[in-house]
Amino acid sequence: MRDLRIVFMGTPDFAVTILKHLVENNYNVVGVITTVDKPAGRGRKLNQSAVKKYALSQNLPILQPKNLKSEEFQTALEKWNANLQIVVAFRMLPKSVWALPKYGTFNLHASLLPEYRGAAPINWAIINGETKTGVTTFFIDDKIDTGEIILQKEITIREDETVGELHDKLMYLGAELVNETVDLIALGEVTTTKQPELEEKSAYKLFPENCKIDWSKSLTDIYNHIRGLNPYPAAWTTFYNNGEEITAKLYKVTKEFTEHEIGIGKVITTKSAIKVAVKDGFLHIIELKLSGKKLMDARSLLNGYQFSEDAKAL
């Protein structure tokens, strides 16, 4: 059995769950690397990453390098004398960092690689209507998410599942997979598989432009787009209403497949419901947030807000 000295690298809540699982199962985490504190909110108060907050609560040593290639950082990292590094939702590492430990550096990625390499794998799996996804551990190399696979676990995606729900399921599944991977490395029993040369589906970064709803698409595609961005960063549209344009984020929606001759994008309301016409039916909006208003259900919004006869989703 190898005596492991682990350095953990990560930033968001997803990474915290994996780190917590390691700590609570008594793996020897000798240090944590996370992002620098960033100003946030109206007061621009410095905000610590979720991983830093947890590391502080456990009295774990922390490094927050601005530059991963700096001599100062790499000298400090070497002093921890780690022989294994684990990366979860962090940054691309230079070779001088990922090649440092004796037993390598492995990453946890929230997809079944080689599919959905990139920044937003959980979102794009749902947006593209996948029925399964999973988590993968792999040894890091000099490209993004291309290294040799160690282990994978698969999970089904429900037809109505949101990215928030799937995120949490993959987070706990990933924690189990990381522990299994560390155990294999400790026993010296790791076997890896080279990633197949597929024309993989990408999980490129989300921007406002690719979160905008395209009402010319099918009802299923629009529905998947919205649940794949719920709750974050949220799909959005512009409503033309009462001669003005107002931005809205859509959250909970349902589908109604039916033939009709109503123009695409037309907004139809009753006293308690909002729906938008698309080419193969109607998208019923259950929860939304108009610009300047709080998130609310359709009934509550319609108590104080009216859509005109010519209202349209653009």
C-alpha atoms as a PDB file:
ATOM      1  CA  MET A   1       0.000   0.000   0.000  1.00  0.00           C
ATOM      2  CA  ARG A   2       1.434   3.359  -1.037  1.00  0.00           C
ATOM      3  CA  ASP A   3       1.580   6.181   1.494  1.00  0.00           C
ATOM      4  CA  LEU A   4      -0.236   8.941  -0.390  1.00  0.00           C
ATOM      5  CA  ARG A   5       0.214  12.658   0.153  1.00  0.00           C
ATOM      6  CA  ILE A   6      -2.577  14.374  -1.753  1.00  0.00           C
ATOM      7  CA  VAL A   7      -2.906  17.948  -3.014  1.00  0.00           C
ATOM      8  CA  PHE A   8      -6.460  18.886  -3.991  1.00  0.00           C
ATOM      9  CA  MET A   9      -7.249  21.609  -6.557  1.00  0.00           C
ATOM     10  CA  GLY A  10     -10.754  23.031  -7.042  1.00  0.00           C
ATOM     11  CA  THR A  11     -13.054  26.018  -6.692  1.00  0.00           C
ATOM     12  CA  PRO A  12     -16.891  25.597  -6.575  1.00  0.00           C
ATOM     13  CA  ASP A  13     -19.354  23.671  -4.396  1.00  0.00           C
ATOM     14  CA  PHE A  14     -19.090  20.666  -6.732  1.00  0.00           C
ATOM     15  CA  ALA A  15     -15.401  20.377  -5.774  1.00  0.00           C
ATOM     16  CA  VAL A  16     -16.122  20.881  -2.055  1.00  0.00           C
ATOM     17  CA  THR A  17     -18.204  17.702  -1.895  1.00  0.00           C
ATOM     18  CA  ILE A  18     -15.328  15.685  -3.376  1.00  0.00           C
ATOM     19  CA  LEU A  19     -12.764  17.249  -1.003  1.00  0.00           C
ATOM     20  CA  LYS A  20     -15.072  16.713   1.985  1.00  0.00           C
ATOM     21  CA  HIS A  21     -15.492  13.053   1.029  1.00  0.00           C
ATOM     22  CA  LEU A  22     -11.703  12.625   0.978  1.00  0.00           C
ATOM     23  CA  VAL A  23     -11.212  14.352   4.337  1.00  0.00           C
ATOM     24  CA  GLU A  24     -14.058  12.500   6.066  1.00  0.00           C
ATOM     25  CA  ASN A  25     -12.704   9.165   4.821  1.00  0.00           C
ATOM     26  CA  ASN A  26      -9.283   9.973   6.281  1.00  0.00           C
ATOM     27  CA  TYR A  27      -7.274  10.350   3.073  1.00  0.00           C
ATOM     28  CA  ASN A  28      -4.092  12.334   3.647  1.00  0.00           C
ATOM     29  CA  VAL A  29      -4.812  15.731   2.055  1.00  0.00           C
ATOM     30  CA  VAL A  30      -1.660  17.807   2.675  1.00  0.00           C
ATOM     31  CA  GLY A  31      -2.789  20.970   0.917  1.00  0.00           C
ATOM     32  CA  VAL A  32      -5.442  22.692  -1.160  1.00  0.00           C
ATOM     33  CA  ILE A  33      -5.084  24.966  -4.188  1.00  0.00           C
ATOM     34  CA  THR A  34      -7.925  27.254  -5.205  1.00  0.00           C
ATOM     35  CA  THR A  35      -8.584  30.577  -6.923  1.00  0.00           C
ATOM     36  CA  VAL A  36      -7.697  33.951  -5.479  1.00  0.00           C
ATOM     37  CA  ASP A  37     -10.377  35.814  -3.529  1.00  0.00           C
ATOM     38  CA  LYS A  38     -12.497  37.968  -5.844  1.00  0.00           C
ATOM     39  CA  PRO A  39     -14.571  41.093  -5.161  1.00  0.00           C
ATOM     40  CA  ALA A  40     -18.310  40.423  -5.336  1.00  0.00           C
ATOM     41  CA  GLY A  41     -21.597  42.184  -4.623  1.00  0.00           C
ATOM     42  CA  ARG A  42     -22.359  45.864  -4.310  1.00  0.00           C
ATOM     43  CA  GLY A  43     -19.762  46.418  -1.605  1.00  0.00           C
ATOM     44  CA  ARG A  44     -17.114  44.622  -3.720  1.00  0.00           C
ATOM     45  CA  LYS A  45     -16.166  42.648  -0.636  1.00  0.00           C
ATOM     46  CA  LEU A  46     -13.582  39.941  -1.284  1.00  0.00           C
ATOM     47  CA  ASN A  47     -15.301  36.593  -1.705  1.00  0.00           C
ATOM     48  CA  GLN A  48     -13.578  33.303  -0.926  1.00  0.00           C
ATOM     49  CA  SER A  49     -14.151  30.243  -3.102  1.00  0.00           C
ATOM     50  CA  ALA A  50     -16.304  27.455  -1.683  1.00  0.00           C
ATOM     51  CA  VAL A  51     -13.234  25.212  -1.583  1.00  0.00           C
ATOM     52  CA  LYS A  52     -11.245  27.785   0.403  1.00  0.00           C
ATOM     53  CA  LYS A  53     -14.036  28.162   2.959  1.00  0.00           C
ATOM     54  CA  TYR A  54     -14.134  24.408   3.520  1.00  0.00           C
ATOM     55  CA  ALA A  55     -10.330  24.096   3.615  1.00  0.00           C
ATOM     56  CA  LEU A  56     -10.159  26.810   6.288  1.00  0.00           C
ATOM     57  CA  SER A  57     -12.778  24.987   8.365  1.00  0.00           C
ATOM     58  CA  GLN A  58     -10.555  21.891   8.292  1.00  0.00           C
ATOM     59  CA  ASN A  59      -7.282  23.796   8.923  1.00  0.00           C
ATOM     60  CA  LEU A  60      -5.854  22.580   5.617  1.00  0.00           C
ATOM     61  CA  PRO A  61      -2.905  24.514   4.127  1.00  0.00           C
ATOM     62  CA  ILE A  62      -4.023  26.671   1.168  1.00  0.00           C
ATOM     63  CA  LEU A  63      -2.305  28.196  -1.869  1.00  0.00           C
ATOM     64  CA  GLN A  64      -4.093  30.720  -4.114  1.00  0.00           C
ATOM     65  CA  PRO A  65      -1.776  31.392  -7.047  1.00  0.00           C
ATOM     66  CA  LYS A  66      -2.535  34.082  -9.599  1.00  0.00           C
ATOM     67  CA  ASN A  67      -0.002  32.506 -11.935  1.00  0.00           C
ATOM     68  CA  LEU A  68       0.370  28.708 -11.946  1.00  0.00           C
ATOM     69  CA  LYS A  69       3.710  29.011 -13.740  1.00  0.00           C
ATOM     70  CA  SER A  70       5.290  31.354 -11.199  1.00  0.00           C
ATOM     71  CA  GLU A  71       8.430  30.178  -9.457  1.00  0.00           C
ATOM     72  CA  GLU A  72       7.047  31.311  -6.093  1.00  0.00           C
ATOM     73  CA  PHE A  73       3.965  29.110  -6.411  1.00  0.00           C
ATOM     74  CA  GLN A  74       5.803  26.064  -7.713  1.00  0.00           C
ATOM     75  CA  THR A  75       8.386  26.294  -4.928  1.00  0.00           C
ATOM     76  CA  ALA A  76       5.598  26.439  -2.316  1.00  0.00           C
ATOM     77  CA  LEU A  77       3.841  23.482  -3.972  1.00  0.00           C
ATOM     78  CA  GLU A  78       7.004  21.381  -3.958  1.00  0.00           C
ATOM     79  CA  LYS A  79       7.398  21.959  -0.199  1.00  0.00           C
ATOM     80  CA  TRP A  80       4.170  20.014   0.394  1.00  0.00           C
ATOM     81  CA  ASN A  81       5.979  16.948  -0.993  1.00  0.00           C
ATOM     82  CA  ALA A  82       2.787  15.554  -2.532  1.00  0.00           C
ATOM     83  CA  ASN A  83       2.878  12.383  -4.611  1.00  0.00           C
ATOM     84  CA  LEU A  84      -0.688  12.659  -5.998  1.00  0.00           C
ATOM     85  CA  GLN A  85      -2.776  15.614  -7.160  1.00  0.00           C
ATOM     86  CA  ILE A  86      -6.543  15.647  -7.679  1.00  0.00           C
ATOM     87  CA  VAL A  87      -8.234  18.314  -9.793  1.00  0.00           C
ATOM     88  CA  VAL A  88     -11.981  19.065  -9.732  1.00  0.00           C
ATOM     89  CA  ALA A  89     -13.434  22.116 -11.529  1.00  0.00           C
ATOM     90  CA  PHE A  90     -10.249  24.172 -11.546  1.00  0.00           C
ATOM     91  CA  ARG A  91      -8.015  25.630 -14.247  1.00  0.00           C
ATOM     92  CA  MET A  92      -5.852  24.156 -16.970  1.00  0.00           C
ATOM     93  CA  LEU A  93      -2.515  23.248 -15.390  1.00  0.00           C
ATOM     94  CA  PRO A  94       0.937  23.737 -16.911  1.00  0.00           C
ATOM     95  CA  LYS A  95       3.006  20.575 -17.337  1.00  0.00           C
ATOM     96  CA  SER A  96       5.405  21.756 -14.617  1.00  0.00           C
ATOM     97  CA  VAL A  97       2.486  21.368 -12.164  1.00  0.00           C
ATOM     98  CA  TRP A  98       0.574  18.300 -13.389  1.00  0.00           C
ATOM     99  CA  ALA A  99       3.754  16.279 -14.013  1.00  0.00           C
ATOM    100  CA  LEU A 100       5.188  17.051 -10.562  1.00  0.00           C
ATOM    101  CA  PRO A 101       3.825  14.248  -8.315  1.00  0.00           C
ATOM    102  CA  LYS A 102       5.204  10.700  -8.520  1.00  0.00           C
ATOM    103  CA  TYR A 103       1.797   9.066  -9.001  1.00  0.00           C
ATOM    104  CA  GLY A 104       0.439  11.710 -11.357  1.00  0.00           C
ATOM    105  CA  THR A 105      -2.410  14.211 -11.396  1.00  0.00           C
ATOM    106  CA  PHE A 106      -5.933  13.076 -12.134  1.00  0.00           C
ATOM    107  CA  ASN A 107      -9.069  15.043 -12.901  1.00  0.00           C
ATOM    108  CA  LEU A 108     -12.739  14.353 -12.228  1.00  0.00           C
ATOM    109  CA  HIS A 109     -14.931  15.374 -15.177  1.00  0.00           C
ATOM    110  CA  ALA A 110     -18.739  15.368 -15.134  1.00  0.00           C
ATOM    111  CA  SER A 111     -19.331  13.463 -18.369  1.00  0.00           C
ATOM    112  CA  LEU A 112     -18.583  10.139 -19.995  1.00  0.00           C
ATOM    113  CA  LEU A 113     -15.414  11.164 -21.789  1.00  0.00           C
ATOM    114  CA  PRO A 114     -14.568  11.621 -24.611  1.00  0.00           C
ATOM    115  CA  GLU A 115     -18.037  13.152 -24.925  1.00  0.00           C
ATOM    116  CA  TYR A 116     -18.620  16.639 -23.529  1.00  0.00           C
ATOM    117  CA  ARG A 117     -15.077  17.798 -22.999  1.00  0.00           C
ATOM    118  CA  GLY A 118     -15.051  21.395 -21.812  1.00  0.00           C
ATOM    119  CA  ALA A 119     -16.448  23.834 -19.288  1.00  0.00           C
ATOM    120  CA  ALA A 120     -20.170  22.966 -19.070  1.00  0.00           C
ATOM    121  CA  PRO A 121     -20.677  19.210 -19.563  1.00  0.00           C
ATOM    122  CA  ILE A 122     -23.728  18.857 -17.311  1.00  0.00           C
ATOM    123  CA  ASN A 123     -25.598  21.689 -19.047  1.00  0.00           C
ATOM    124  CA  TRP A 124     -24.904  20.491 -22.584  1.00  0.00           C
ATOM    125  CA  ALA A 125     -25.861  16.878 -21.871  1.00  0.00           C
ATOM    126  CA  ILE A 126     -29.364  18.067 -20.953  1.00  0.00           C
ATOM    127  CA  ILE A 127     -29.570  20.767 -23.639  1.00  0.00           C
ATOM    128  CA  ASN A 128     -28.771  18.109 -26.253  1.00  0.00           C
ATOM    129  CA  GLY A 129     -31.423  15.749 -24.875  1.00  0.00           C
ATOM    130  CA  GLU A 130     -29.085  12.987 -23.684  1.00  0.00           C
ATOM    131  CA  THR A 131     -30.642  10.147 -21.701  1.00  0.00           C
ATOM    132  CA  LYS A 132     -27.431   9.202 -19.894  1.00  0.00           C
ATOM    133  CA  THR A 133     -24.231  10.818 -18.660  1.00  0.00           C
ATOM    134  CA  GLY A 134     -21.762  10.147 -15.874  1.00  0.00           C
ATOM    135  CA  VAL A 135     -18.426  10.974 -14.307  1.00  0.00           C
ATOM    136  CA  THR A 136     -14.895  10.134 -15.394  1.00  0.00           C
ATOM    137  CA  THR A 137     -11.509  10.174 -13.707  1.00  0.00           C
ATOM    138  CA  PHE A 138      -8.493  10.514 -15.994  1.00  0.00           C
ATOM    139  CA  PHE A 139      -4.820  11.384 -15.782  1.00  0.00           C
ATOM    140  CA  ILE A 140      -4.173  14.934 -16.969  1.00  0.00           C
ATOM    141  CA  ASP A 141      -2.052  15.521 -20.054  1.00  0.00           C
ATOM    142  CA  ASP A 142      -1.205  18.667 -22.022  1.00  0.00           C
ATOM    143  CA  LYS A 143      -4.650  19.086 -23.631  1.00  0.00           C
ATOM    144  CA  ILE A 144      -8.125  19.693 -22.174  1.00  0.00           C
ATOM    145  CA  ASP A 145      -9.918  16.549 -20.940  1.00  0.00           C
ATOM    146  CA  THR A 146      -7.998  14.208 -23.254  1.00  0.00           C
ATOM    147  CA  GLY A 147      -5.919  12.110 -20.834  1.00  0.00           C
ATOM    148  CA  GLU A 148      -6.141   8.361 -20.302  1.00  0.00           C
ATOM    149  CA  ILE A 149      -9.306   7.241 -18.508  1.00  0.00           C
ATOM    150  CA  ILE A 150      -9.012   5.565 -15.103  1.00  0.00           C
ATOM    151  CA  LEU A 151     -12.647   4.931 -14.101  1.00  0.00           C
ATOM    152  CA  GLN A 152     -16.184   5.898 -15.172  1.00  0.00           C
ATOM    153  CA  LYS A 153     -19.630   5.691 -13.605  1.00  0.00           C
ATOM    154  CA  GLU A 154     -22.819   6.089 -15.648  1.00  0.00           C
ATOM    155  CA  ILE A 155     -26.160   7.595 -14.629  1.00  0.00           C
ATOM    156  CA  THR A 156     -29.499   8.059 -16.420  1.00  0.00           C
ATOM    157  CA  ILE A 157     -31.003  11.495 -17.067  1.00  0.00           C
ATOM    158  CA  ARG A 158     -34.748  11.844 -16.474  1.00  0.00           C
ATOM    159  CA  GLU A 159     -36.758  13.489 -19.229  1.00  0.00           C
ATOM    160  CA  ASP A 160     -37.751  16.344 -16.896  1.00  0.00           C
ATOM    161  CA  GLU A 161     -34.463  16.624 -14.976  1.00  0.00           C
ATOM    162  CA  THR A 162     -32.915  20.086 -14.577  1.00  0.00           C
ATOM    163  CA  VAL A 163     -29.211  20.823 -14.616  1.00  0.00           C
ATOM    164  CA  GLY A 164     -29.398  21.706 -10.917  1.00  0.00           C
ATOM    165  CA  GLU A 165     -30.760  18.268 -10.043  1.00  0.00           C
ATOM    166  CA  LEU A 166     -28.304  16.421 -12.265  1.00  0.00           C
ATOM    167  CA  HIS A 167     -25.384  18.512 -10.949  1.00  0.00           C
ATOM    168  CA  ASP A 168     -26.042  17.316  -7.396  1.00  0.00           C
ATOM    169  CA  LYS A 169     -26.388  13.667  -8.407  1.00  0.00           C
ATOM    170  CA  LEU A 170     -23.122  13.781 -10.365  1.00  0.00           C
ATOM    171  CA  MET A 171     -21.393  15.567  -7.494  1.00  0.00           C
ATOM    172  CA  TYR A 172     -22.043  12.680  -5.085  1.00  0.00           C
ATOM    173  CA  LEU A 173     -21.352  10.066  -7.750  1.00  0.00           C
ATOM    174  CA  GLY A 174     -18.077  11.869  -8.484  1.00  0.00           C
ATOM    175  CA  ALA A 175     -17.079  11.795  -4.813  1.00  0.00           C
ATOM    176  CA  GLU A 176     -17.451   8.008  -4.804  1.00  0.00           C
ATOM    177  CA  LEU A 177     -15.478   7.679  -8.043  1.00  0.00           C
ATOM    178  CA  VAL A 178     -12.599   9.839  -6.770  1.00  0.00           C
ATOM    179  CA  ASN A 179     -12.273   7.707  -3.634  1.00  0.00           C
ATOM    180  CA  GLU A 180     -12.271   4.527  -5.732  1.00  0.00           C
ATOM    181  CA  THR A 181      -9.607   6.029  -7.994  1.00  0.00           C
ATOM    182  CA  VAL A 182      -7.400   7.020  -5.044  1.00  0.00           C
ATOM    183  CA  ASP A 183      -7.721   3.503  -3.619  1.00  0.00           C
ATOM    184  CA  LEU A 184      -6.534   1.978  -6.909  1.00  0.00           C
ATOM    185  CA  ILE A 185      -3.561   4.343  -7.009  1.00  0.00           C
ATOM    186  CA  ALA A 186      -2.704   3.530  -3.375  1.00  0.00           C
ATOM    187  CA  LEU A 187      -2.747  -0.187  -4.196  1.00  0.00           C
ATOM    188  CA  GLY A 188      -0.723   0.319  -7.386  1.00  0.00           C
ATOM    189  CA  GLU A 189      -3.497  -1.348  -9.383  1.00  0.00           C
ATOM    190  CA  VAL A 190      -4.474   1.401 -11.843  1.00  0.00           C
ATOM    191  CA  THR A 191      -5.052   0.430 -15.446  1.00  0.00           C
ATOM    192  CA  THR A 192      -5.942   3.188 -17.896  1.00  0.00           C
ATOM    193  CA  THR A 193      -7.745   3.322 -21.214  1.00  0.00           C
ATOM    194  CA  LYS A 194      -6.819   5.679 -24.009  1.00  0.00           C
ATOM    195  CA  GLN A 195      -9.738   7.891 -24.995  1.00  0.00           C
ATOM    196  CA  PRO A 196     -11.270   6.757 -28.297  1.00  0.00           C
ATOM    197  CA  GLU A 197     -10.935   9.021 -31.307  1.00  0.00           C
ATOM    198  CA  LEU A 198     -14.599   9.994 -31.616  1.00  0.00           C
ATOM    199  CA  GLU A 199     -16.115  13.116 -33.096  1.00  0.00           C
ATOM    200  CA  GLU A 200     -17.083  14.070 -29.581  1.00  0.00           C
ATOM    201  CA  LYS A 201     -19.877  16.390 -28.493  1.00  0.00           C
ATOM    202  CA  SER A 202     -18.496  19.597 -27.011  1.00  0.00           C
ATOM    203  CA  ALA A 203     -19.342  21.263 -23.707  1.00  0.00           C
ATOM    204  CA  TYR A 204     -18.144  24.742 -24.554  1.00  0.00           C
ATOM    205  CA  LYS A 205     -18.519  27.611 -22.155  1.00  0.00           C
ATOM    206  CA  LEU A 206     -21.933  29.206 -21.625  1.00  0.00           C
ATOM    207  CA  PHE A 207     -22.405  32.836 -22.616  1.00  0.00           C
ATOM    208  CA  PRO A 208     -25.558  34.992 -22.805  1.00  0.00           C
ATOM    209  CA  GLU A 209     -25.618  34.394 -26.572  1.00  0.00           C
ATOM    210  CA  ASN A 210     -25.965  30.604 -26.337  1.00  0.00           C
ATOM    211  CA  CYS A 211     -28.410  30.803 -23.422  1.00  0.00           C
ATOM    212  CA  LYS A 212     -30.960  32.768 -25.484  1.00  0.00           C
ATOM    213  CA  ILE A 213     -34.050  30.784 -26.491  1.00  0.00           C
ATOM    214  CA  ASP A 214     -34.518  30.202 -30.225  1.00  0.00           C
ATOM    215  CA  TRP A 215     -38.296  30.022 -30.665  1.00  0.00           C
ATOM    216  CA  SER A 216     -37.965  28.636 -34.204  1.00  0.00           C
ATOM    217  CA  LYS A 217     -36.698  25.319 -32.814  1.00  0.00           C
ATOM    218  CA  SER A 218     -38.858  22.323 -31.908  1.00  0.00           C
ATOM    219  CA  LEU A 219     -40.788  22.238 -28.645  1.00  0.00           C
ATOM    220  CA  THR A 220     -38.541  19.462 -27.331  1.00  0.00           C
ATOM    221  CA  ASP A 221     -35.354  21.375 -28.171  1.00  0.00           C
ATOM    222  CA  ILE A 222     -36.641  24.524 -26.463  1.00  0.00           C
ATOM    223  CA  TYR A 223     -37.773  22.538 -23.417  1.00  0.00           C
ATOM    224  CA  ASN A 224     -34.365  20.823 -23.138  1.00  0.00           C
ATOM    225  CA  HIS A 225     -32.573  24.156 -23.547  1.00  0.00           C
ATOM    226  CA  ILE A 226     -34.488  25.654 -20.618  1.00  0.00           C
ATOM    227  CA  ARG A 227     -34.072  22.711 -18.222  1.00  0.00           C
ATOM    228  CA  GLY A 228     -30.398  22.453 -19.192  1.00  0.00           C
ATOM    229  CA  LEU A 229     -29.890  25.989 -17.876  1.00  0.00           C
ATOM    230  CA  ASN A 230     -32.173  25.805 -14.800  1.00  0.00           C
ATOM    231  CA  PRO A 231     -31.294  27.195 -12.281  1.00  0.00           C
ATOM    232  CA  TYR A 232     -28.002  28.544 -13.606  1.00  0.00           C
ATOM    233  CA  PRO A 233     -27.259  30.505 -15.690  1.00  0.00           C
ATOM    234  CA  ALA A 234     -30.920  30.345 -16.874  1.00  0.00           C
ATOM    235  CA  ALA A 235     -32.336  30.456 -20.384  1.00  0.00           C
ATOM    236  CA  TRP A 236     -33.634  33.853 -21.407  1.00  0.00           C
ATOM    237  CA  THR A 237     -35.806  35.546 -23.973  1.00  0.00           C
ATOM    238  CA  THR A 238     -37.151  38.972 -24.828  1.00  0.00           C
ATOM    239  CA  PHE A 239     -40.889  39.611 -24.648  1.00  0.00           C
ATOM    240  CA  TYR A 240     -42.360  42.300 -26.879  1.00  0.00           C
ATOM    241  CA  ASN A 241     -45.268  43.585 -24.825  1.00  0.00           C
ATOM    242  CA  ASN A 242     -47.264  46.826 -24.748  1.00  0.00           C
ATOM    243  CA  GLY A 243     -44.886  48.384 -27.277  1.00  0.00           C
ATOM    244  CA  GLU A 244     -41.801  47.613 -25.166  1.00  0.00           C
ATOM    245  CA  GLU A 245     -39.197  44.879 -24.974  1.00  0.00           C
ATOM    246  CA  ILE A 246     -38.512  43.249 -21.625  1.00  0.00           C
ATOM    247  CA  THR A 247     -35.988  40.514 -20.818  1.00  0.00           C
ATOM    248  CA  ALA A 248     -37.139  37.405 -18.975  1.00  0.00           C
ATOM    249  CA  LYS A 249     -35.424  34.297 -17.618  1.00  0.00           C
ATOM    250  CA  LEU A 250     -37.447  31.100 -17.830  1.00  0.00           C
ATOM    251  CA  TYR A 251     -37.136  28.304 -15.284  1.00  0.00           C
ATOM    252  CA  LYS A 252     -39.888  25.719 -14.883  1.00  0.00           C
ATOM    253  CA  VAL A 253     -41.789  24.918 -18.104  1.00  0.00           C
ATOM    254  CA  THR A 254     -43.928  22.125 -19.533  1.00  0.00           C
ATOM    255  CA  LYS A 255     -44.704  20.915 -23.060  1.00  0.00           C
ATOM    256  CA  GLU A 256     -47.993  20.685 -24.945  1.00  0.00           C
ATOM    257  CA  PHE A 257     -47.718  18.986 -28.321  1.00  0.00           C
ATOM    258  CA  THR A 258     -50.532  20.000 -30.652  1.00  0.00           C
ATOM    259  CA  GLU A 259     -51.151  21.223 -34.187  1.00  0.00           C
ATOM    260  CA  HIS A 260     -52.085  24.894 -34.529  1.00  0.00           C
ATOM    261  CA  GLU A 261     -51.856  27.805 -36.929  1.00  0.00           C
ATOM    262  CA  ILE A 262     -50.756  30.464 -34.431  1.00  0.00           C
ATOM    263  CA  GLY A 263     -47.617  32.431 -35.222  1.00  0.00           C
ATOM    264  CA  ILE A 264     -44.370  31.227 -33.600  1.00  0.00           C
ATOM    265  CA  GLY A 265     -43.559  33.182 -30.453  1.00  0.00           C
ATOM    266  CA  LYS A 266     -47.072  34.493 -29.770  1.00  0.00           C
ATOM    267  CA  VAL A 267     -47.738  34.796 -26.040  1.00  0.00           C
ATOM    268  CA  ILE A 268     -51.139  33.549 -24.891  1.00  0.00           C
ATOM    269  CA  THR A 269     -52.363  34.128 -21.352  1.00  0.00           C
ATOM    270  CA  THR A 270     -55.299  33.323 -19.116  1.00  0.00           C
ATOM    271  CA  LYS A 271     -55.780  34.643 -15.567  1.00  0.00           C
ATOM    272  CA  SER A 272     -53.298  32.097 -14.249  1.00  0.00           C
ATOM    273  CA  ALA A 273     -51.253  30.713 -17.159  1.00  0.00           C
ATOM    274  CA  ILE A 274     -48.753  31.798 -19.796  1.00  0.00           C
ATOM    275  CA  LYS A 275     -47.871  29.840 -22.913  1.00  0.00           C
ATOM    276  CA  VAL A 276     -45.837  30.539 -26.039  1.00  0.00           C
ATOM    277  CA  ALA A 277     -46.660  29.139 -29.459  1.00  0.00           C
ATOM    278  CA  VAL A 278     -43.933  27.102 -31.191  1.00  0.00           C
ATOM    279  CA  LYS A 279     -44.075  25.140 -34.421  1.00  0.00           C
ATOM    280  CA  ASP A 280     -45.240  21.834 -32.913  1.00  0.00           C
ATOM    281  CA  GLY A 281     -47.218  22.995 -29.883  1.00  0.00           C
ATOM    282  CA  PHE A 282     -47.037  25.318 -26.898  1.00  0.00           C
ATOM    283  CA  LEU A 283     -44.469  25.883 -24.193  1.00  0.00           C
ATOM    284  CA  HIS A 284     -46.219  26.484 -20.867  1.00  0.00           C
ATOM    285  CA  ILE A 285     -44.242  28.809 -18.586  1.00  0.00           C
ATOM    286  CA  ILE A 286     -44.651  27.835 -14.932  1.00  0.00           C
ATOM    287  CA  GLU A 287     -41.869  29.920 -13.325  1.00  0.00           C
ATOM    288  CA  LEU A 288     -40.079  32.961 -14.710  1.00  0.00           C
ATOM    289  CA  LYS A 289     -38.276  36.130 -13.748  1.00  0.00           C
ATOM    290  CA  LEU A 290     -38.946  39.351 -15.605  1.00  0.00           C
ATOM    291  CA  SER A 291     -36.167  41.931 -15.569  1.00  0.00           C
ATOM    292  CA  GLY A 292     -36.487  44.028 -12.412  1.00  0.00           C
ATOM    293  CA  LYS A 293     -38.845  41.546 -10.749  1.00  0.00           C
ATOM    294  CA  LYS A 294     -38.276  38.534  -8.507  1.00  0.00           C
ATOM    295  CA  LEU A 295     -38.636  34.915  -9.590  1.00  0.00           C
ATOM    296  CA  MET A 296     -42.311  33.940  -9.413  1.00  0.00           C
ATOM    297  CA  ASP A 297     -44.862  31.532 -10.779  1.00  0.00           C
ATOM    298  CA  ALA A 298     -47.036  32.548 -13.718  1.00  0.00           C
ATOM    299  CA  ARG A 299     -50.177  32.992 -11.622  1.00  0.00           C
ATOM    300  CA  SER A 300     -48.422  35.394  -9.212  1.00  0.00           C
ATOM    301  CA  LEU A 301     -46.905  37.403 -12.065  1.00  0.00           C
ATOM    302  CA  LEU A 302     -50.260  37.768 -13.814  1.00  0.00           C
ATOM    303  CA  ASN A 303     -51.812  39.189 -10.655  1.00  0.00           C
ATOM    304  CA  GLY A 304     -49.931  42.416 -11.295  1.00  0.00           C
ATOM    305  CA  TYR A 305     -48.627  42.212 -14.873  1.00  0.00           C
ATOM    306  CA  GLN A 306     -50.560  41.996 -18.122  1.00  0.00           C
ATOM    307  CA  PHE A 307     -49.541  40.736 -21.534  1.00  0.00           C
ATOM    308  CA  SER A 308     -51.153  42.550 -24.466  1.00  0.00           C
ATOM    309  CA  GLU A 309     -53.005  40.860 -27.325  1.00  0.00           C
ATOM    310  CA  ASP A 310     -49.966  41.270 -29.589  1.00  0.00           C
ATOM    311  CA  ALA A 311     -47.385  40.111 -26.995  1.00  0.00           C
ATOM    312  CA  LYS A 312     -44.649  37.986 -28.494  1.00  0.00           C
ATOM    313  CA  ALA A 313     -41.509  36.122 -27.423  1.00  0.00           C
ATOM    314  CA  LEU A 314     -38.689  37.266 -29.676  1.00  0.00           C
END
